[in-house]
């Protein structure tokens, strides 16, 4: 069973297997492809996946790449949206499209500014109250992924 990915989710150097597992589940739900940029904080093998409860992993379209340059070669026609808690622009102001990529950093370090500072208009934040430092990685992916999905459906409905 396979699907044509509608967009991409990129995890830059993720560290925690259950977070990556939850992101994978969200990607299956949204028909998105998951990209993992090494180094990873865990092994991607059968035992690790089973421990993380990834019984749906066989439905996930995913690929691990060695570094950022490798990812860019794999997705040359893709527009990237970089998520950081320090970006100025809210994700709700972005106009997402099919084949876009949502890029998230590691759980402890976030996304390196060297990546997202190069494209300030594509650098987004998910606003939170002052009492929360940041959202959990899997929660942030779900929030952004479902907004992208909502926009895609709205555009499709308006052209029918």
N, C-alpha and C. Protein backbone atom coordinates (compact mmCIF):
# COMPACT_ATOMS: atom_id res chain seq x y z
N UNK A 1 0.85 -1.18 0.00
CA UNK A 1 0.00 0.00 0.00
C UNK A 1 0.89 1.24 0.00
N UNK A 2 0.69 2.13 -0.95
CA UNK A 2 1.55 3.29 -1.12
C UNK A 2 0.71 4.52 -1.46
N UNK A 3 1.28 5.68 -1.24
CA UNK A 3 0.60 6.92 -1.57
C UNK A 3 1.60 7.85 -2.23
N UNK A 4 1.09 8.77 -3.01
CA UNK A 4 1.92 9.80 -3.62
C UNK A 4 2.04 10.93 -2.59
N UNK A 5 3.24 11.23 -2.11
CA UNK A 5 3.37 12.26 -1.07
C UNK A 5 2.87 13.62 -1.56
N UNK A 6 2.13 14.27 -0.70
CA UNK A 6 1.58 15.59 -1.02
C UNK A 6 2.53 16.71 -0.62
N UNK A 7 3.34 16.44 0.39
CA UNK A 7 4.36 17.38 0.85
C UNK A 7 5.40 16.61 1.64
N UNK A 8 6.38 17.32 2.16
CA UNK A 8 7.51 16.69 2.85
C UNK A 8 7.65 17.24 4.26
N UNK A 9 8.07 16.37 5.17
CA UNK A 9 8.45 16.77 6.52
C UNK A 9 9.90 16.37 6.70
N UNK A 10 10.72 17.34 7.09
CA UNK A 10 12.15 17.10 7.26
C UNK A 10 12.50 17.27 8.74
N UNK A 11 13.12 16.24 9.30
CA UNK A 11 13.65 16.32 10.66
C UNK A 11 15.16 16.40 10.56
N UNK A 12 15.70 17.53 10.95
CA UNK A 12 17.14 17.76 10.89
C UNK A 12 17.77 17.25 12.18
N UNK A 13 18.49 16.15 12.08
CA UNK A 13 19.22 15.54 13.18
C UNK A 13 18.34 15.24 14.41
N UNK A 14 17.23 14.52 14.21
CA UNK A 14 16.37 14.18 15.35
C UNK A 14 17.10 13.27 16.33
N UNK A 15 16.69 13.35 17.60
CA UNK A 15 17.41 12.62 18.65
C UNK A 15 16.58 11.57 19.38
N UNK A 16 15.27 11.72 19.38
CA UNK A 16 14.43 10.88 20.24
C UNK A 16 13.52 9.99 19.38
N UNK A 17 13.72 8.67 19.43
CA UNK A 17 12.94 7.76 18.58
C UNK A 17 11.42 7.90 18.71
N UNK A 18 10.86 8.00 19.92
CA UNK A 18 9.39 8.13 19.98
C UNK A 18 8.86 9.40 19.32
N UNK A 19 9.63 10.50 19.38
CA UNK A 19 9.20 11.70 18.66
C UNK A 19 9.18 11.46 17.16
N UNK A 20 10.23 10.84 16.66
CA UNK A 20 10.29 10.53 15.23
C UNK A 20 9.17 9.57 14.86
N UNK A 21 8.87 8.62 15.74
CA UNK A 21 7.76 7.70 15.50
C UNK A 21 6.44 8.43 15.40
N UNK A 22 6.21 9.38 16.32
CA UNK A 22 4.96 10.16 16.28
C UNK A 22 4.89 11.02 15.02
N UNK A 23 6.02 11.58 14.61
CA UNK A 23 6.06 12.36 13.37
C UNK A 23 5.75 11.44 12.18
N UNK A 24 6.31 10.25 12.19
CA UNK A 24 6.02 9.29 11.11
C UNK A 24 4.54 8.97 11.02
N UNK A 25 3.90 8.78 12.16
CA UNK A 25 2.46 8.52 12.18
C UNK A 25 1.69 9.69 11.57
N UNK A 26 2.08 10.91 11.93
CA UNK A 26 1.43 12.10 11.37
C UNK A 26 1.65 12.16 9.87
N UNK A 27 2.85 11.82 9.42
CA UNK A 27 3.13 11.82 7.97
C UNK A 27 2.24 10.83 7.23
N UNK A 28 2.05 9.64 7.79
CA UNK A 28 1.15 8.67 7.16
C UNK A 28 -0.26 9.25 7.11
N UNK A 29 -0.71 9.86 8.20
CA UNK A 29 -2.06 10.42 8.25
C UNK A 29 -2.26 11.52 7.22
N UNK A 30 -1.20 12.27 6.93
CA UNK A 30 -1.30 13.40 6.00
C UNK A 30 -0.78 13.09 4.60
N UNK A 31 -0.37 11.87 4.36
CA UNK A 31 0.22 11.47 3.07
C UNK A 31 1.44 12.34 2.74
N UNK A 32 2.30 12.51 3.72
CA UNK A 32 3.54 13.27 3.55
C UNK A 32 4.72 12.31 3.60
N UNK A 33 5.82 12.72 2.99
CA UNK A 33 7.05 11.92 3.05
C UNK A 33 7.93 12.48 4.15
N UNK A 34 8.50 11.60 4.94
CA UNK A 34 9.40 11.98 6.03
C UNK A 34 10.84 11.84 5.58
N UNK A 35 11.62 12.88 5.82
CA UNK A 35 13.05 12.89 5.53
C UNK A 35 13.80 13.06 6.84
N UNK A 36 14.79 12.23 7.07
CA UNK A 36 15.63 12.30 8.25
C UNK A 36 17.04 12.69 7.82
N UNK A 37 17.53 13.81 8.36
CA UNK A 37 18.87 14.28 8.00
C UNK A 37 19.82 13.86 9.12
N UNK A 38 20.82 13.05 8.76
CA UNK A 38 21.81 12.56 9.71
C UNK A 38 22.75 13.68 10.16
N UNK A 39 23.36 13.48 11.34
CA UNK A 39 23.31 12.28 12.17
C UNK A 39 22.01 12.21 12.98
N UNK A 40 21.58 10.97 13.23
CA UNK A 40 20.39 10.71 14.02
C UNK A 40 20.82 10.31 15.43
N UNK A 41 19.98 10.56 16.40
CA UNK A 41 20.28 10.19 17.77
C UNK A 41 19.85 8.77 18.09
N UNK A 42 19.58 7.97 17.07
CA UNK A 42 19.10 6.60 17.25
C UNK A 42 19.36 5.82 15.98
N UNK A 43 19.25 4.50 16.06
CA UNK A 43 19.38 3.64 14.88
C UNK A 43 18.00 3.46 14.26
N UNK A 44 17.99 3.34 12.96
CA UNK A 44 16.75 3.05 12.25
C UNK A 44 16.82 1.58 11.82
N UNK A 45 16.49 0.70 12.78
CA UNK A 45 16.48 -0.73 12.48
C UNK A 45 15.18 -1.33 13.03
N UNK A 46 14.94 -2.57 12.70
CA UNK A 46 13.69 -3.24 13.07
C UNK A 46 13.42 -3.20 14.57
N UNK A 47 14.43 -3.49 15.39
CA UNK A 47 14.25 -3.53 16.85
C UNK A 47 13.90 -2.14 17.40
N UNK A 48 14.60 -1.11 16.93
CA UNK A 48 14.33 0.25 17.40
C UNK A 48 12.94 0.69 17.00
N UNK A 49 12.56 0.39 15.78
CA UNK A 49 11.22 0.78 15.31
C UNK A 49 10.14 0.06 16.11
N UNK A 50 10.34 -1.19 16.39
CA UNK A 50 9.36 -1.96 17.16
C UNK A 50 9.22 -1.39 18.58
N UNK A 51 10.36 -1.07 19.21
CA UNK A 51 10.34 -0.49 20.56
C UNK A 51 9.61 0.85 20.59
N UNK A 52 9.73 1.62 19.52
CA UNK A 52 9.06 2.92 19.46
C UNK A 52 7.58 2.78 19.09
N UNK A 53 7.11 1.55 18.91
CA UNK A 53 5.70 1.33 18.62
C UNK A 53 5.29 1.69 17.22
N UNK A 54 6.20 1.54 16.28
CA UNK A 54 5.94 1.98 14.91
C UNK A 54 5.38 0.84 14.06
N UNK A 55 4.24 0.34 14.45
CA UNK A 55 3.64 -0.76 13.71
C UNK A 55 3.07 -0.33 12.37
N UNK A 56 2.98 0.94 12.10
CA UNK A 56 2.48 1.47 10.83
C UNK A 56 3.63 1.90 9.94
N UNK A 57 4.88 1.69 10.38
CA UNK A 57 6.06 2.17 9.64
C UNK A 57 6.07 1.67 8.20
N UNK A 58 5.50 0.48 7.95
CA UNK A 58 5.49 -0.06 6.58
C UNK A 58 4.67 0.81 5.63
N UNK A 59 3.81 1.66 6.15
CA UNK A 59 3.00 2.56 5.32
C UNK A 59 3.66 3.90 5.09
N UNK A 60 4.70 4.19 5.84
CA UNK A 60 5.36 5.48 5.78
C UNK A 60 6.34 5.54 4.61
N UNK A 61 6.27 6.61 3.85
CA UNK A 61 7.30 6.88 2.85
C UNK A 61 8.34 7.76 3.53
N UNK A 62 9.57 7.26 3.59
CA UNK A 62 10.61 8.00 4.28
C UNK A 62 11.97 7.71 3.67
N UNK A 63 12.90 8.59 3.97
CA UNK A 63 14.28 8.39 3.52
C UNK A 63 15.20 9.14 4.47
N UNK A 64 16.33 8.51 4.79
CA UNK A 64 17.38 9.16 5.57
C UNK A 64 18.48 9.60 4.62
N UNK A 65 18.96 10.82 4.80
CA UNK A 65 20.03 11.35 3.97
C UNK A 65 21.21 11.73 4.86
N UNK A 66 22.40 11.75 4.28
CA UNK A 66 23.62 11.94 5.06
C UNK A 66 23.80 13.36 5.60
N UNK A 67 23.29 14.36 4.87
CA UNK A 67 23.48 15.74 5.31
C UNK A 67 22.52 16.66 4.56
N UNK A 68 22.57 17.94 4.89
CA UNK A 68 21.66 18.92 4.30
C UNK A 68 21.86 19.04 2.79
N UNK A 69 23.10 19.05 2.34
CA UNK A 69 23.38 19.16 0.90
C UNK A 69 22.76 17.99 0.14
N UNK A 70 22.82 16.80 0.72
CA UNK A 70 22.21 15.62 0.10
C UNK A 70 20.70 15.82 -0.02
N UNK A 71 20.07 16.34 1.01
CA UNK A 71 18.63 16.59 0.96
C UNK A 71 18.28 17.56 -0.16
N UNK A 72 19.04 18.63 -0.28
CA UNK A 72 18.78 19.62 -1.33
C UNK A 72 18.90 19.01 -2.72
N UNK A 73 19.82 18.10 -2.90
CA UNK A 73 19.94 17.41 -4.19
C UNK A 73 18.74 16.51 -4.45
N UNK A 74 18.20 15.90 -3.40
CA UNK A 74 17.04 15.02 -3.53
C UNK A 74 15.74 15.79 -3.82
N UNK A 75 15.66 17.03 -3.36
CA UNK A 75 14.44 17.82 -3.49
C UNK A 75 14.73 19.17 -4.17
N UNK A 76 15.22 19.15 -5.41
CA UNK A 76 15.67 20.40 -6.04
C UNK A 76 14.54 21.40 -6.35
N UNK A 77 13.33 20.94 -6.55
CA UNK A 77 12.22 21.83 -6.92
C UNK A 77 11.30 22.13 -5.75
N UNK A 78 11.77 21.87 -4.55
CA UNK A 78 10.92 21.99 -3.37
C UNK A 78 11.17 23.32 -2.66
N UNK A 79 10.08 23.93 -2.19
CA UNK A 79 10.18 25.14 -1.38
C UNK A 79 10.23 24.71 0.09
N UNK A 80 11.21 25.21 0.82
CA UNK A 80 11.41 24.82 2.21
C UNK A 80 10.88 25.89 3.16
N UNK A 81 10.19 25.44 4.20
CA UNK A 81 9.71 26.30 5.28
C UNK A 81 10.44 25.86 6.55
N UNK A 82 11.16 26.78 7.18
CA UNK A 82 12.02 26.48 8.32
C UNK A 82 11.33 26.90 9.62
N UNK A 83 11.18 25.97 10.54
CA UNK A 83 10.50 26.27 11.80
C UNK A 83 11.51 26.48 12.92
N UNK A 84 11.36 27.61 13.60
CA UNK A 84 12.23 27.94 14.73
C UNK A 84 11.44 28.78 15.71
N UNK A 85 11.66 28.56 16.99
CA UNK A 85 10.96 29.35 18.01
C UNK A 85 11.41 30.81 17.99
N UNK A 86 12.54 31.11 17.36
CA UNK A 86 13.03 32.49 17.31
C UNK A 86 12.74 33.20 16.00
N UNK A 87 12.11 32.53 15.06
CA UNK A 87 11.72 33.19 13.81
C UNK A 87 10.66 34.26 14.12
N UNK A 88 10.60 35.29 13.31
CA UNK A 88 9.66 36.37 13.56
C UNK A 88 8.27 36.12 12.96
N UNK A 89 8.21 35.44 11.85
CA UNK A 89 6.94 35.27 11.12
C UNK A 89 6.15 34.08 11.66
N UNK A 90 4.86 34.28 11.87
CA UNK A 90 3.99 33.19 12.33
C UNK A 90 3.69 32.25 11.18
N UNK A 91 3.59 30.97 11.48
CA UNK A 91 3.28 29.98 10.45
C UNK A 91 1.90 30.21 9.84
N UNK A 92 1.02 30.89 10.54
CA UNK A 92 -0.33 31.12 10.01
C UNK A 92 -0.34 32.13 8.86
N UNK A 93 0.76 32.85 8.67
CA UNK A 93 0.83 33.82 7.56
C UNK A 93 1.41 33.21 6.29
N UNK A 94 1.88 31.99 6.35
CA UNK A 94 2.50 31.33 5.19
C UNK A 94 1.43 30.79 4.25
N UNK A 95 1.71 30.88 2.96
CA UNK A 95 0.83 30.29 1.94
C UNK A 95 1.48 29.00 1.45
N UNK A 96 1.09 27.89 2.06
CA UNK A 96 1.67 26.59 1.75
C UNK A 96 1.07 26.02 0.46
N UNK A 97 1.84 25.16 -0.19
CA UNK A 97 1.41 24.52 -1.44
C UNK A 97 1.81 23.05 -1.44
N UNK A 98 1.24 22.31 -2.38
CA UNK A 98 1.67 20.93 -2.60
C UNK A 98 3.17 20.90 -2.83
N UNK A 99 3.81 19.87 -2.37
CA UNK A 99 5.24 19.60 -2.54
C UNK A 99 6.15 20.49 -1.69
N UNK A 100 5.60 21.35 -0.85
CA UNK A 100 6.44 22.12 0.07
C UNK A 100 7.07 21.18 1.08
N UNK A 101 8.12 21.66 1.75
CA UNK A 101 8.77 20.89 2.82
C UNK A 101 8.76 21.71 4.10
N UNK A 102 8.33 21.08 5.17
CA UNK A 102 8.35 21.67 6.50
C UNK A 102 9.59 21.14 7.21
N UNK A 103 10.48 22.01 7.66
CA UNK A 103 11.77 21.61 8.21
C UNK A 103 11.83 21.95 9.70
N UNK A 104 12.19 20.94 10.50
CA UNK A 104 12.26 21.08 11.95
C UNK A 104 13.61 20.60 12.44
N UNK A 105 14.12 21.24 13.49
CA UNK A 105 15.40 20.87 14.06
C UNK A 105 15.29 19.82 15.14
N UNK A 106 16.42 19.51 15.74
CA UNK A 106 16.47 18.49 16.78
C UNK A 106 15.77 18.96 18.05
N UNK A 107 15.46 18.00 18.90
CA UNK A 107 14.73 18.29 20.12
C UNK A 107 15.51 19.19 21.08
N UNK A 108 16.81 19.05 21.16
CA UNK A 108 17.58 19.85 22.12
C UNK A 108 18.18 21.12 21.52
N UNK A 109 18.51 21.10 20.25
CA UNK A 109 19.18 22.25 19.64
C UNK A 109 18.32 23.04 18.67
N UNK A 110 17.19 22.50 18.26
CA UNK A 110 16.38 23.20 17.26
C UNK A 110 17.05 23.19 15.91
N UNK A 111 16.60 24.06 15.05
CA UNK A 111 17.14 24.17 13.70
C UNK A 111 18.29 25.19 13.71
N UNK A 112 19.44 24.85 13.16
CA UNK A 112 20.55 25.81 13.16
C UNK A 112 20.18 27.10 12.42
N UNK A 113 20.48 28.24 13.00
CA UNK A 113 20.19 29.51 12.34
C UNK A 113 20.83 29.62 10.95
N UNK A 114 21.94 28.93 10.73
CA UNK A 114 22.58 28.98 9.42
C UNK A 114 21.65 28.48 8.32
N UNK A 115 20.71 27.60 8.66
CA UNK A 115 19.74 27.13 7.67
C UNK A 115 18.62 28.13 7.47
N UNK A 116 17.98 28.54 8.56
CA UNK A 116 16.78 29.35 8.38
C UNK A 116 17.03 30.84 8.21
N UNK A 117 18.20 31.35 8.62
CA UNK A 117 18.50 32.77 8.44
C UNK A 117 18.66 33.15 6.97
N UNK A 118 18.96 32.16 6.13
CA UNK A 118 19.15 32.44 4.71
C UNK A 118 17.84 32.75 3.99
N UNK A 119 16.72 32.36 4.58
CA UNK A 119 15.41 32.57 3.97
C UNK A 119 14.43 33.13 5.01
N UNK A 120 14.58 34.39 5.38
CA UNK A 120 13.73 34.93 6.44
C UNK A 120 12.23 34.85 6.12
N UNK A 121 11.86 34.96 4.87
CA UNK A 121 10.44 34.86 4.51
C UNK A 121 9.92 33.44 4.61
N UNK A 122 10.81 32.47 4.60
CA UNK A 122 10.41 31.06 4.76
C UNK A 122 10.67 30.57 6.18
N UNK A 123 11.08 31.45 7.06
CA UNK A 123 11.35 31.08 8.45
C UNK A 123 10.13 31.39 9.30
N UNK A 124 9.62 30.37 9.96
CA UNK A 124 8.34 30.47 10.65
C UNK A 124 8.43 30.02 12.10
N UNK A 125 7.53 30.54 12.90
CA UNK A 125 7.41 30.09 14.29
C UNK A 125 5.96 29.72 14.56
N UNK A 126 5.79 28.87 15.53
CA UNK A 126 4.46 28.54 16.03
C UNK A 126 4.32 29.29 17.35
N UNK A 127 3.47 30.32 17.39
CA UNK A 127 3.37 31.12 18.61
C UNK A 127 2.91 30.28 19.81
N UNK A 128 3.51 30.56 20.95
CA UNK A 128 3.11 29.93 22.21
C UNK A 128 3.05 31.01 23.28
N UNK A 129 2.44 30.68 24.39
CA UNK A 129 2.40 31.62 25.51
C UNK A 129 3.81 31.75 26.11
N UNK A 130 4.01 32.74 26.91
CA UNK A 130 5.33 32.98 27.51
C UNK A 130 5.74 31.89 28.49
N UNK A 131 4.78 31.06 28.92
CA UNK A 131 5.08 30.03 29.90
C UNK A 131 5.63 28.75 29.26
N UNK A 132 5.62 28.69 27.95
CA UNK A 132 6.10 27.50 27.25
C UNK A 132 7.33 27.86 26.43
N UNK A 133 8.43 27.16 26.67
CA UNK A 133 9.67 27.40 25.93
C UNK A 133 9.51 27.05 24.46
N UNK A 134 8.91 25.88 24.21
CA UNK A 134 8.67 25.44 22.83
C UNK A 134 7.72 24.24 22.87
N UNK A 135 7.20 23.90 21.72
CA UNK A 135 6.36 22.71 21.61
C UNK A 135 7.23 21.47 21.43
N UNK A 136 6.70 20.32 21.81
CA UNK A 136 7.35 19.06 21.50
C UNK A 136 7.46 18.94 19.98
N UNK A 137 8.53 18.35 19.50
CA UNK A 137 8.77 18.23 18.07
C UNK A 137 7.58 17.61 17.34
N UNK A 138 7.06 16.52 17.84
CA UNK A 138 5.95 15.85 17.15
C UNK A 138 4.69 16.72 17.15
N UNK A 139 4.48 17.49 18.21
CA UNK A 139 3.33 18.40 18.25
C UNK A 139 3.50 19.52 17.22
N UNK A 140 4.70 20.07 17.13
CA UNK A 140 4.96 21.14 16.17
C UNK A 140 4.74 20.66 14.74
N UNK A 141 5.20 19.45 14.43
CA UNK A 141 5.00 18.89 13.09
C UNK A 141 3.51 18.73 12.81
N UNK A 142 2.76 18.25 13.79
CA UNK A 142 1.32 18.06 13.60
C UNK A 142 0.61 19.40 13.36
N UNK A 143 0.94 20.40 14.15
CA UNK A 143 0.32 21.72 14.00
C UNK A 143 0.58 22.26 12.59
N UNK A 144 1.84 22.27 12.18
CA UNK A 144 2.20 22.81 10.87
C UNK A 144 1.68 21.93 9.73
N UNK A 145 1.79 20.62 9.89
CA UNK A 145 1.34 19.71 8.84
C UNK A 145 -0.15 19.82 8.57
N UNK A 146 -0.93 19.93 9.62
CA UNK A 146 -2.37 20.04 9.41
C UNK A 146 -2.78 21.40 8.87
N UNK A 147 -2.00 22.44 9.15
CA UNK A 147 -2.26 23.74 8.52
C UNK A 147 -1.96 23.67 7.03
N UNK A 148 -0.85 23.05 6.67
CA UNK A 148 -0.53 22.87 5.25
C UNK A 148 -1.64 22.06 4.58
N UNK A 149 -2.06 20.99 5.20
CA UNK A 149 -3.14 20.15 4.66
C UNK A 149 -4.43 20.95 4.49
N UNK A 150 -4.77 21.77 5.49
CA UNK A 150 -5.98 22.60 5.41
C UNK A 150 -5.91 23.54 4.22
N UNK A 151 -4.75 24.17 4.04
CA UNK A 151 -4.60 25.09 2.91
C UNK A 151 -4.69 24.37 1.57
N UNK A 152 -4.11 23.21 1.46
CA UNK A 152 -4.18 22.45 0.21
C UNK A 152 -5.64 22.11 -0.10
N UNK A 153 -6.37 21.64 0.91
CA UNK A 153 -7.78 21.31 0.69
C UNK A 153 -8.60 22.54 0.32
N UNK A 154 -8.32 23.67 0.94
CA UNK A 154 -9.04 24.91 0.63
C UNK A 154 -8.78 25.34 -0.81
N UNK A 155 -7.55 25.24 -1.27
CA UNK A 155 -7.23 25.60 -2.66
C UNK A 155 -7.90 24.65 -3.64
N UNK A 156 -7.89 23.35 -3.31
CA UNK A 156 -8.50 22.36 -4.18
C UNK A 156 -10.01 22.58 -4.28
N UNK A 157 -10.65 22.86 -3.15
CA UNK A 157 -12.09 23.08 -3.13
C UNK A 157 -12.49 24.33 -3.91
N UNK A 158 -11.62 25.35 -3.88
CA UNK A 158 -11.97 26.60 -4.58
C UNK A 158 -11.81 26.48 -6.09
N UNK A 159 -11.09 25.46 -6.58
CA UNK A 159 -10.92 25.29 -8.02
C UNK A 159 -11.87 24.27 -8.62
N UNK A 160 -12.68 23.65 -7.79
CA UNK A 160 -13.62 22.65 -8.31
C UNK A 160 -14.90 23.28 -8.80
